[in-house]
Amino acid sequence: MSNQLLKGKKGIIFGALDEKSIAWKTALACHEQGAQIVLTNAPVALRMGEINKLAEKCQTEVIAADATSVNIPNEIISKLVAAWGGIDVIILNAGEADVQKIEDTTDAIWEKTLAINTTAPFRFIRAVTPIMKTQNSGRVIVIASIAGLMGEAFVTAYAASKHAVVGVVRASAIELNKYGITVNALCPGYVDTPMLDKGLDVTAARTGKTRDELRAALALKQPGGRLLTSDEVASAAIDFISNGETGQARWLYATTIGEKK
């Protein structure tokens, strides 16, 4: 149900791929709550996904951009400020995960994972900070992972990158709070998304188990005995945008949305 909690707010959301993705559901939720948003993702992701369908639903545009490119954050932020005069919300959701044994985690995998999951969010926060300081307000949300709060086997690079980005969130939240800028991370457990499907396929090939068997095993690892939905994560993102909390790395799991760590 729409309460127009975000009426008049303007923002950008990264990483929408298809209807199961967290960014897709978050974009729809922001639009339904009255926000004007712009969507962006890497060119290859745009070719693979259905983001133009989402753009039509949200009555917005799509910016094709490689978030790991050093100049892209400043270029995108400058473009939106020129069009809007400011930015109220930035939701950083682009992510990368490779399921590998630690001895098979190459430097290329390590560097690619940290570039997308840690360095890109840092650069976007850095780029938007002067604008939000001038406004004396702003909301920054990073979609992290439970892997950013605890370890997980076979995803060393992913877990390291998510721990690092949670550190970025907590440090920048302390620094920027006096300017009316909140910075938070959502750290969901296993969410039924395309990224999860990708990981299940890799694990199935390595173990001989079916995707359904692996999915059921992951669900049992969650407190509620089921996978989270992207809608649940989107709802938590709306909460962060509409309230004044900051510096949170919030663990989301199936039975309760809102547990803080």
C-alpha atoms as a PDB file:
ATOM      1  CA  MET A   1       0.000   0.000   0.000  1.00  0.00           C
ATOM      2  CA  SER A   2       1.295   3.457  -0.922  1.00  0.00           C
ATOM      3  CA  ASN A   3       1.434   6.129   1.766  1.00  0.00           C
ATOM      4  CA  GLN A   4       3.462   8.490  -0.456  1.00  0.00           C
ATOM      5  CA  LEU A   5       6.242   8.369   2.125  1.00  0.00           C
ATOM      6  CA  LEU A   6       8.773   9.493  -0.479  1.00  0.00           C
ATOM      7  CA  LYS A   7       6.716  12.075  -2.339  1.00  0.00           C
ATOM      8  CA  GLY A   8       8.983  14.660  -3.942  1.00  0.00           C
ATOM      9  CA  LYS A   9      12.174  12.668  -3.293  1.00  0.00           C
ATOM     10  CA  LYS A  10      14.621  12.109  -6.156  1.00  0.00           C
ATOM     11  CA  GLY A  11      17.137   9.319  -6.317  1.00  0.00           C
ATOM     12  CA  ILE A  12      19.051   6.674  -8.186  1.00  0.00           C
ATOM     13  CA  ILE A  13      19.052   2.890  -7.843  1.00  0.00           C
ATOM     14  CA  PHE A  14      21.812   0.610  -9.079  1.00  0.00           C
ATOM     15  CA  GLY A  15      21.706  -3.020 -10.096  1.00  0.00           C
ATOM     16  CA  ALA A  16      18.164  -3.836 -11.279  1.00  0.00           C
ATOM     17  CA  LEU A  17      18.325  -6.922 -13.511  1.00  0.00           C
ATOM     18  CA  ASP A  18      14.976  -8.697 -13.557  1.00  0.00           C
ATOM     19  CA  GLU A  19      11.740  -9.013 -11.602  1.00  0.00           C
ATOM     20  CA  LYS A  20      13.354 -11.173  -8.906  1.00  0.00           C
ATOM     21  CA  SER A  21      16.179  -8.759  -8.150  1.00  0.00           C
ATOM     22  CA  ILE A  22      16.321  -6.628  -5.008  1.00  0.00           C
ATOM     23  CA  ALA A  23      16.951  -3.419  -6.938  1.00  0.00           C
ATOM     24  CA  TRP A  24      13.926  -4.074  -9.166  1.00  0.00           C
ATOM     25  CA  LYS A  25      11.583  -4.459  -6.206  1.00  0.00           C
ATOM     26  CA  THR A  26      13.146  -1.493  -4.423  1.00  0.00           C
ATOM     27  CA  ALA A  27      12.684   0.704  -7.485  1.00  0.00           C
ATOM     28  CA  LEU A  28       9.018  -0.251  -7.710  1.00  0.00           C
ATOM     29  CA  ALA A  29       8.542   0.389  -3.986  1.00  0.00           C
ATOM     30  CA  CYS A  30      10.173   3.825  -4.223  1.00  0.00           C
ATOM     31  CA  HIS A  31       8.024   4.723  -7.225  1.00  0.00           C
ATOM     32  CA  GLU A  32       4.864   3.580  -5.476  1.00  0.00           C
ATOM     33  CA  GLN A  33       5.786   5.742  -2.484  1.00  0.00           C
ATOM     34  CA  GLY A  34       6.062   8.833  -4.674  1.00  0.00           C
ATOM     35  CA  ALA A  35       9.798   9.047  -5.402  1.00  0.00           C
ATOM     36  CA  GLN A  36      11.236  10.015  -8.773  1.00  0.00           C
ATOM     37  CA  ILE A  37      14.074   7.626  -9.544  1.00  0.00           C
ATOM     38  CA  VAL A  38      16.618   6.844 -12.238  1.00  0.00           C
ATOM     39  CA  LEU A  39      17.866   3.321 -12.884  1.00  0.00           C
ATOM     40  CA  THR A  40      21.357   2.248 -13.834  1.00  0.00           C
ATOM     41  CA  ASN A  41      23.297  -0.924 -14.455  1.00  0.00           C
ATOM     42  CA  ALA A  42      26.258  -2.150 -16.479  1.00  0.00           C
ATOM     43  CA  PRO A  43      25.703  -2.354 -20.253  1.00  0.00           C
ATOM     44  CA  VAL A  44      26.081  -6.151 -20.248  1.00  0.00           C
ATOM     45  CA  ALA A  45      23.500  -6.440 -17.463  1.00  0.00           C
ATOM     46  CA  LEU A  46      21.101  -4.264 -19.438  1.00  0.00           C
ATOM     47  CA  ARG A  47      21.405  -6.614 -22.402  1.00  0.00           C
ATOM     48  CA  MET A  48      20.795  -9.662 -20.203  1.00  0.00           C
ATOM     49  CA  GLY A  49      17.973  -8.240 -18.109  1.00  0.00           C
ATOM     50  CA  GLU A  50      14.604  -6.576 -18.551  1.00  0.00           C
ATOM     51  CA  ILE A  51      15.298  -3.176 -17.046  1.00  0.00           C
ATOM     52  CA  ASN A  52      13.501  -1.252 -19.787  1.00  0.00           C
ATOM     53  CA  LYS A  53      10.272  -2.877 -18.643  1.00  0.00           C
ATOM     54  CA  LEU A  54      10.973  -1.598 -15.118  1.00  0.00           C
ATOM     55  CA  ALA A  55      11.764   1.877 -16.446  1.00  0.00           C
ATOM     56  CA  GLU A  56       8.381   1.966 -18.159  1.00  0.00           C
ATOM     57  CA  LYS A  57       6.607   0.991 -14.952  1.00  0.00           C
ATOM     58  CA  CYS A  58       8.505   3.626 -12.977  1.00  0.00           C
ATOM     59  CA  GLN A  59       8.170   6.245 -15.723  1.00  0.00           C
ATOM     60  CA  THR A  60      11.885   6.887 -15.709  1.00  0.00           C
ATOM     61  CA  GLU A  61      15.097   6.503 -17.691  1.00  0.00           C
ATOM     62  CA  VAL A  62      17.928   3.992 -17.621  1.00  0.00           C
ATOM     63  CA  ILE A  63      21.590   4.987 -17.559  1.00  0.00           C
ATOM     64  CA  ALA A  64      23.967   2.349 -18.885  1.00  0.00           C
ATOM     65  CA  ALA A  65      27.168   2.624 -16.867  1.00  0.00           C
ATOM     66  CA  ASP A  66      29.969   0.451 -15.545  1.00  0.00           C
ATOM     67  CA  ALA A  67      29.911   1.259 -11.835  1.00  0.00           C
ATOM     68  CA  THR A  68      33.521   0.114 -11.467  1.00  0.00           C
ATOM     69  CA  SER A  69      34.810   2.798 -13.844  1.00  0.00           C
ATOM     70  CA  VAL A  70      36.617   5.455 -11.817  1.00  0.00           C
ATOM     71  CA  ASN A  71      34.905   8.411 -13.529  1.00  0.00           C
ATOM     72  CA  ILE A  72      31.349   7.050 -13.668  1.00  0.00           C
ATOM     73  CA  PRO A  73      30.182   8.045 -10.147  1.00  0.00           C
ATOM     74  CA  ASN A  74      31.002  11.719 -10.639  1.00  0.00           C
ATOM     75  CA  GLU A  75      29.562  11.704 -14.173  1.00  0.00           C
ATOM     76  CA  ILE A  76      26.227  10.199 -13.095  1.00  0.00           C
ATOM     77  CA  ILE A  77      25.872  12.371 -10.003  1.00  0.00           C
ATOM     78  CA  SER A  78      26.707  15.518 -12.010  1.00  0.00           C
ATOM     79  CA  LYS A  79      24.152  14.594 -14.672  1.00  0.00           C
ATOM     80  CA  LEU A  80      21.374  14.122 -12.135  1.00  0.00           C
ATOM     81  CA  VAL A  81      22.219  17.268 -10.192  1.00  0.00           C
ATOM     82  CA  ALA A  82      22.119  19.233 -13.439  1.00  0.00           C
ATOM     83  CA  ALA A  83      18.662  17.830 -14.165  1.00  0.00           C
ATOM     84  CA  TRP A  84      17.184  17.878 -10.664  1.00  0.00           C
ATOM     85  CA  GLY A  85      19.196  20.377  -8.669  1.00  0.00           C
ATOM     86  CA  GLY A  86      20.044  17.741  -6.056  1.00  0.00           C
ATOM     87  CA  ILE A  87      19.779  14.089  -5.029  1.00  0.00           C
ATOM     88  CA  ASP A  88      17.853  12.852  -2.013  1.00  0.00           C
ATOM     89  CA  VAL A  89      18.412   9.091  -2.163  1.00  0.00           C
ATOM     90  CA  ILE A  90      21.062   6.739  -3.519  1.00  0.00           C
ATOM     91  CA  ILE A  91      20.614   2.974  -3.272  1.00  0.00           C
ATOM     92  CA  LEU A  92      23.711   0.951  -4.121  1.00  0.00           C
ATOM     93  CA  ASN A  93      22.798  -2.600  -5.016  1.00  0.00           C
ATOM     94  CA  ALA A  94      25.136  -3.740  -7.798  1.00  0.00           C
ATOM     95  CA  GLY A  95      26.842  -6.928  -6.674  1.00  0.00           C
ATOM     96  CA  GLU A  96      29.126  -9.766  -7.711  1.00  0.00           C
ATOM     97  CA  ALA A  97      29.716 -13.198  -6.168  1.00  0.00           C
ATOM     98  CA  ASP A  98      31.869 -16.105  -7.297  1.00  0.00           C
ATOM     99  CA  VAL A  99      31.495 -19.445  -5.552  1.00  0.00           C
ATOM    100  CA  GLN A 100      35.031 -20.819  -5.294  1.00  0.00           C
ATOM    101  CA  LYS A 101      37.297 -22.711  -2.948  1.00  0.00           C
ATOM    102  CA  ILE A 102      39.800 -20.300  -1.444  1.00  0.00           C
ATOM    103  CA  GLU A 103      42.667 -21.938  -3.356  1.00  0.00           C
ATOM    104  CA  ASP A 104      40.724 -21.395  -6.593  1.00  0.00           C
ATOM    105  CA  THR A 105      39.965 -17.736  -5.868  1.00  0.00           C
ATOM    106  CA  THR A 106      42.239 -15.999  -8.339  1.00  0.00           C
ATOM    107  CA  ASP A 107      43.507 -12.445  -8.083  1.00  0.00           C
ATOM    108  CA  ALA A 108      41.156 -11.556 -10.941  1.00  0.00           C
ATOM    109  CA  ILE A 109      38.123 -12.869  -9.033  1.00  0.00           C
ATOM    110  CA  TRP A 110      39.261 -11.097  -5.866  1.00  0.00           C
ATOM    111  CA  GLU A 111      39.830  -7.767  -7.593  1.00  0.00           C
ATOM    112  CA  LYS A 112      36.597  -7.896  -9.613  1.00  0.00           C
ATOM    113  CA  THR A 113      34.522  -8.722  -6.526  1.00  0.00           C
ATOM    114  CA  LEU A 114      35.979  -5.922  -4.418  1.00  0.00           C
ATOM    115  CA  ALA A 115      35.714  -3.471  -7.315  1.00  0.00           C
ATOM    116  CA  ILE A 116      31.962  -4.001  -7.615  1.00  0.00           C
ATOM    117  CA  ASN A 117      30.998  -4.686  -4.011  1.00  0.00           C
ATOM    118  CA  THR A 118      33.269  -2.279  -2.126  1.00  0.00           C
ATOM    119  CA  THR A 119      35.101   0.252  -4.279  1.00  0.00           C
ATOM    120  CA  ALA A 120      32.112   1.244  -6.420  1.00  0.00           C
ATOM    121  CA  PRO A 121      29.838   1.999  -3.424  1.00  0.00           C
ATOM    122  CA  PHE A 122      32.663   3.972  -1.791  1.00  0.00           C
ATOM    123  CA  ARG A 123      33.146   6.077  -4.930  1.00  0.00           C
ATOM    124  CA  PHE A 124      29.435   6.811  -5.249  1.00  0.00           C
ATOM    125  CA  ILE A 125      29.198   7.824  -1.600  1.00  0.00           C
ATOM    126  CA  ARG A 126      32.236  10.053  -2.097  1.00  0.00           C
ATOM    127  CA  ALA A 127      30.707  11.598  -5.226  1.00  0.00           C
ATOM    128  CA  VAL A 128      27.285  12.323  -3.729  1.00  0.00           C
ATOM    129  CA  THR A 129      28.547  13.608  -0.368  1.00  0.00           C
ATOM    130  CA  PRO A 130      29.235  17.238  -1.426  1.00  0.00           C
ATOM    131  CA  ILE A 131      25.742  17.496  -2.931  1.00  0.00           C
ATOM    132  CA  MET A 132      24.029  16.080   0.139  1.00  0.00           C
ATOM    133  CA  LYS A 133      26.145  18.273   2.430  1.00  0.00           C
ATOM    134  CA  THR A 134      24.944  21.343   0.523  1.00  0.00           C
ATOM    135  CA  GLN A 135      21.349  20.137   0.914  1.00  0.00           C
ATOM    136  CA  ASN A 136      21.956  19.308   4.580  1.00  0.00           C
ATOM    137  CA  SER A 137      20.088  16.063   3.945  1.00  0.00           C
ATOM    138  CA  GLY A 138      20.377  12.759   2.139  1.00  0.00           C
ATOM    139  CA  ARG A 139      19.813   9.034   2.351  1.00  0.00           C
ATOM    140  CA  VAL A 140      22.429   6.465   1.323  1.00  0.00           C
ATOM    141  CA  ILE A 141      21.594   2.761   1.417  1.00  0.00           C
ATOM    142  CA  VAL A 142      23.990  -0.041   0.534  1.00  0.00           C
ATOM    143  CA  ILE A 143      22.607  -3.520  -0.064  1.00  0.00           C
ATOM    144  CA  ALA A 144      25.242  -5.637   1.648  1.00  0.00           C
ATOM    145  CA  SER A 145      24.744  -9.200   2.906  1.00  0.00           C
ATOM    146  CA  ILE A 146      24.770 -11.373   5.982  1.00  0.00           C
ATOM    147  CA  ALA A 147      28.201 -12.316   4.606  1.00  0.00           C
ATOM    148  CA  GLY A 148      29.226  -8.791   5.653  1.00  0.00           C
ATOM    149  CA  LEU A 149      28.533  -9.665   9.290  1.00  0.00           C
ATOM    150  CA  MET A 150      29.810 -13.238   9.464  1.00  0.00           C
ATOM    151  CA  GLY A 151      31.919 -15.644   7.424  1.00  0.00           C
ATOM    152  CA  GLU A 152      30.660 -18.048   4.776  1.00  0.00           C
ATOM    153  CA  ALA A 153      32.526 -20.901   3.093  1.00  0.00           C
ATOM    154  CA  PHE A 154      33.429 -20.791  -0.620  1.00  0.00           C
ATOM    155  CA  VAL A 155      32.784 -17.038  -0.999  1.00  0.00           C
ATOM    156  CA  THR A 156      35.950 -15.583   0.527  1.00  0.00           C
ATOM    157  CA  ALA A 157      36.137 -12.623  -1.852  1.00  0.00           C
ATOM    158  CA  TYR A 158      32.423 -11.889  -1.525  1.00  0.00           C
ATOM    159  CA  ALA A 159      32.474 -12.049   2.284  1.00  0.00           C
ATOM    160  CA  ALA A 160      35.579  -9.852   2.446  1.00  0.00           C
ATOM    161  CA  SER A 161      34.011  -7.277   0.112  1.00  0.00           C
ATOM    162  CA  LYS A 162      30.777  -7.142   2.091  1.00  0.00           C
ATOM    163  CA  HIS A 163      32.610  -6.819   5.420  1.00  0.00           C
ATOM    164  CA  ALA A 164      34.563  -3.950   3.871  1.00  0.00           C
ATOM    165  CA  VAL A 165      31.512  -2.123   2.556  1.00  0.00           C
ATOM    166  CA  VAL A 166      29.822  -2.407   5.955  1.00  0.00           C
ATOM    167  CA  GLY A 167      32.907  -0.663   7.327  1.00  0.00           C
ATOM    168  CA  VAL A 168      32.502   2.079   4.724  1.00  0.00           C
ATOM    169  CA  VAL A 169      28.868   2.503   5.780  1.00  0.00           C
ATOM    170  CA  ARG A 170      29.593   2.701   9.486  1.00  0.00           C
ATOM    171  CA  ALA A 171      32.510   5.111   9.128  1.00  0.00           C
ATOM    172  CA  SER A 172      30.771   7.448   6.679  1.00  0.00           C
ATOM    173  CA  ALA A 173      27.596   7.429   8.792  1.00  0.00           C
ATOM    174  CA  ILE A 174      29.525   8.808  11.755  1.00  0.00           C
ATOM    175  CA  GLU A 175      31.233  11.446   9.627  1.00  0.00           C
ATOM    176  CA  LEU A 176      28.130  12.613   7.747  1.00  0.00           C
ATOM    177  CA  ASN A 177      25.461  12.460  10.439  1.00  0.00           C
ATOM    178  CA  LYS A 178      25.934  16.132  11.410  1.00  0.00           C
ATOM    179  CA  TYR A 179      25.001  17.124   7.852  1.00  0.00           C
ATOM    180  CA  GLY A 180      21.648  15.386   7.992  1.00  0.00           C
ATOM    181  CA  ILE A 181      22.918  12.508   5.842  1.00  0.00           C
ATOM    182  CA  THR A 182      22.118   8.955   6.902  1.00  0.00           C
ATOM    183  CA  VAL A 183      24.149   5.993   5.642  1.00  0.00           C
ATOM    184  CA  ASN A 184      22.930   2.447   6.260  1.00  0.00           C
ATOM    185  CA  ALA A 185      23.467  -1.102   5.060  1.00  0.00           C
ATOM    186  CA  LEU A 186      20.935  -3.869   4.657  1.00  0.00           C
ATOM    187  CA  CYS A 187      22.468  -7.268   5.313  1.00  0.00           C
ATOM    188  CA  PRO A 188      19.951  -9.871   4.183  1.00  0.00           C
ATOM    189  CA  GLY A 189      20.404 -13.587   4.540  1.00  0.00           C
ATOM    190  CA  TYR A 190      19.744 -15.751   1.516  1.00  0.00           C
ATOM    191  CA  VAL A 191      17.389 -13.958  -0.871  1.00  0.00           C
ATOM    192  CA  ASP A 192      15.634 -15.576  -3.815  1.00  0.00           C
ATOM    193  CA  THR A 193      17.398 -13.588  -6.548  1.00  0.00           C
ATOM    194  CA  PRO A 194      19.266 -14.169  -9.828  1.00  0.00           C
ATOM    195  CA  MET A 195      22.574 -13.963  -7.929  1.00  0.00           C
ATOM    196  CA  LEU A 196      21.460 -16.814  -5.679  1.00  0.00           C
ATOM    197  CA  ASP A 197      20.459 -18.882  -8.720  1.00  0.00           C
ATOM    198  CA  LYS A 198      23.897 -18.297 -10.242  1.00  0.00           C
ATOM    199  CA  GLY A 199      25.601 -19.532  -7.087  1.00  0.00           C
ATOM    200  CA  LEU A 200      23.327 -22.558  -6.866  1.00  0.00           C
ATOM    201  CA  ASP A 201      24.180 -23.548 -10.430  1.00  0.00           C
ATOM    202  CA  VAL A 202      27.912 -23.422  -9.678  1.00  0.00           C
ATOM    203  CA  THR A 203      27.474 -25.425  -6.470  1.00  0.00           C
ATOM    204  CA  ALA A 204      25.228 -27.973  -8.207  1.00  0.00           C
ATOM    205  CA  ALA A 205      27.883 -28.567 -10.861  1.00  0.00           C
ATOM    206  CA  ARG A 206      30.539 -29.078  -8.191  1.00  0.00           C
ATOM    207  CA  THR A 207      28.529 -31.276  -5.806  1.00  0.00           C
ATOM    208  CA  GLY A 208      26.120 -33.168  -8.046  1.00  0.00           C
ATOM    209  CA  LYS A 209      23.152 -31.969  -5.992  1.00  0.00           C
ATOM    210  CA  THR A 210      20.131 -30.426  -7.663  1.00  0.00           C
ATOM    211  CA  ARG A 211      19.305 -26.740  -7.436  1.00  0.00           C
ATOM    212  CA  ASP A 212      16.141 -27.602  -5.470  1.00  0.00           C
ATOM    213  CA  GLU A 213      18.138 -29.616  -2.939  1.00  0.00           C
ATOM    214  CA  LEU A 214      20.609 -26.788  -2.470  1.00  0.00           C
ATOM    215  CA  ARG A 215      17.852 -24.193  -2.242  1.00  0.00           C
ATOM    216  CA  ALA A 216      16.119 -26.211   0.484  1.00  0.00           C
ATOM    217  CA  ALA A 217      19.385 -26.542   2.419  1.00  0.00           C
ATOM    218  CA  LEU A 218      19.937 -22.777   2.320  1.00  0.00           C
ATOM    219  CA  ALA A 219      16.382 -22.139   3.462  1.00  0.00           C
ATOM    220  CA  LEU A 220      16.941 -24.359   6.497  1.00  0.00           C
ATOM    221  CA  LYS A 221      19.991 -22.279   7.451  1.00  0.00           C
ATOM    222  CA  GLN A 222      17.756 -19.222   7.874  1.00  0.00           C
ATOM    223  CA  PRO A 223      15.977 -18.583  11.182  1.00  0.00           C
ATOM    224  CA  GLY A 224      12.571 -18.738   9.494  1.00  0.00           C
ATOM    225  CA  GLY A 225      13.323 -21.833   7.460  1.00  0.00           C
ATOM    226  CA  ARG A 226      12.754 -20.084   4.133  1.00  0.00           C
ATOM    227  CA  LEU A 227      14.481 -17.758   1.714  1.00  0.00           C
ATOM    228  CA  LEU A 228      13.867 -14.037   1.933  1.00  0.00           C
ATOM    229  CA  THR A 229      12.031 -12.323  -0.888  1.00  0.00           C
ATOM    230  CA  SER A 230      13.239  -9.229  -2.698  1.00  0.00           C
ATOM    231  CA  ASP A 231      10.018  -7.501  -1.628  1.00  0.00           C
ATOM    232  CA  GLU A 232      11.012  -7.894   2.024  1.00  0.00           C
ATOM    233  CA  VAL A 233      14.395  -6.304   1.402  1.00  0.00           C
ATOM    234  CA  ALA A 234      12.746  -3.479  -0.558  1.00  0.00           C
ATOM    235  CA  SER A 235      10.401  -2.800   2.355  1.00  0.00           C
ATOM    236  CA  ALA A 236      13.376  -2.502   4.711  1.00  0.00           C
ATOM    237  CA  ALA A 237      15.026  -0.062   2.291  1.00  0.00           C
ATOM    238  CA  ILE A 238      11.919   2.143   2.355  1.00  0.00           C
ATOM    239  CA  ASP A 239      12.100   2.143   6.155  1.00  0.00           C
ATOM    240  CA  PHE A 240      15.671   3.437   6.054  1.00  0.00           C
ATOM    241  CA  ILE A 241      14.768   6.166   3.565  1.00  0.00           C
ATOM    242  CA  SER A 242      11.801   7.376   5.581  1.00  0.00           C
ATOM    243  CA  ASN A 243      13.355   7.326   9.075  1.00  0.00           C
ATOM    244  CA  GLY A 244      16.402   8.996  10.564  1.00  0.00           C
ATOM    245  CA  GLU A 245      18.463   5.989  11.623  1.00  0.00           C
ATOM    246  CA  THR A 246      22.073   5.903  10.529  1.00  0.00           C
ATOM    247  CA  GLY A 247      25.133   3.688  10.813  1.00  0.00           C
ATOM    248  CA  GLN A 248      23.086   0.508  10.854  1.00  0.00           C
ATOM    249  CA  ALA A 249      24.116  -2.810   9.309  1.00  0.00           C
ATOM    250  CA  ARG A 250      20.753  -4.491   9.599  1.00  0.00           C
ATOM    251  CA  TRP A 251      20.497  -8.253   9.402  1.00  0.00           C
ATOM    252  CA  LEU A 252      17.333  -9.278   7.574  1.00  0.00           C
ATOM    253  CA  TYR A 253      15.997 -12.793   7.866  1.00  0.00           C
ATOM    254  CA  ALA A 254      12.781 -14.535   7.032  1.00  0.00           C
ATOM    255  CA  THR A 255      10.909 -14.340  10.328  1.00  0.00           C
ATOM    256  CA  THR A 256      11.773 -10.767  11.312  1.00  0.00           C
ATOM    257  CA  ILE A 257      12.640  -7.692   9.303  1.00  0.00           C
ATOM    258  CA  GLY A 258      14.504  -5.261  11.505  1.00  0.00           C
ATOM    259  CA  GLU A 259      16.954  -7.170  13.695  1.00  0.00           C
ATOM    260  CA  LYS A 260      19.987  -4.968  14.292  1.00  0.00           C
ATOM    261  CA  LYS A 261      23.542  -6.088  14.731  1.00  0.00           C
END
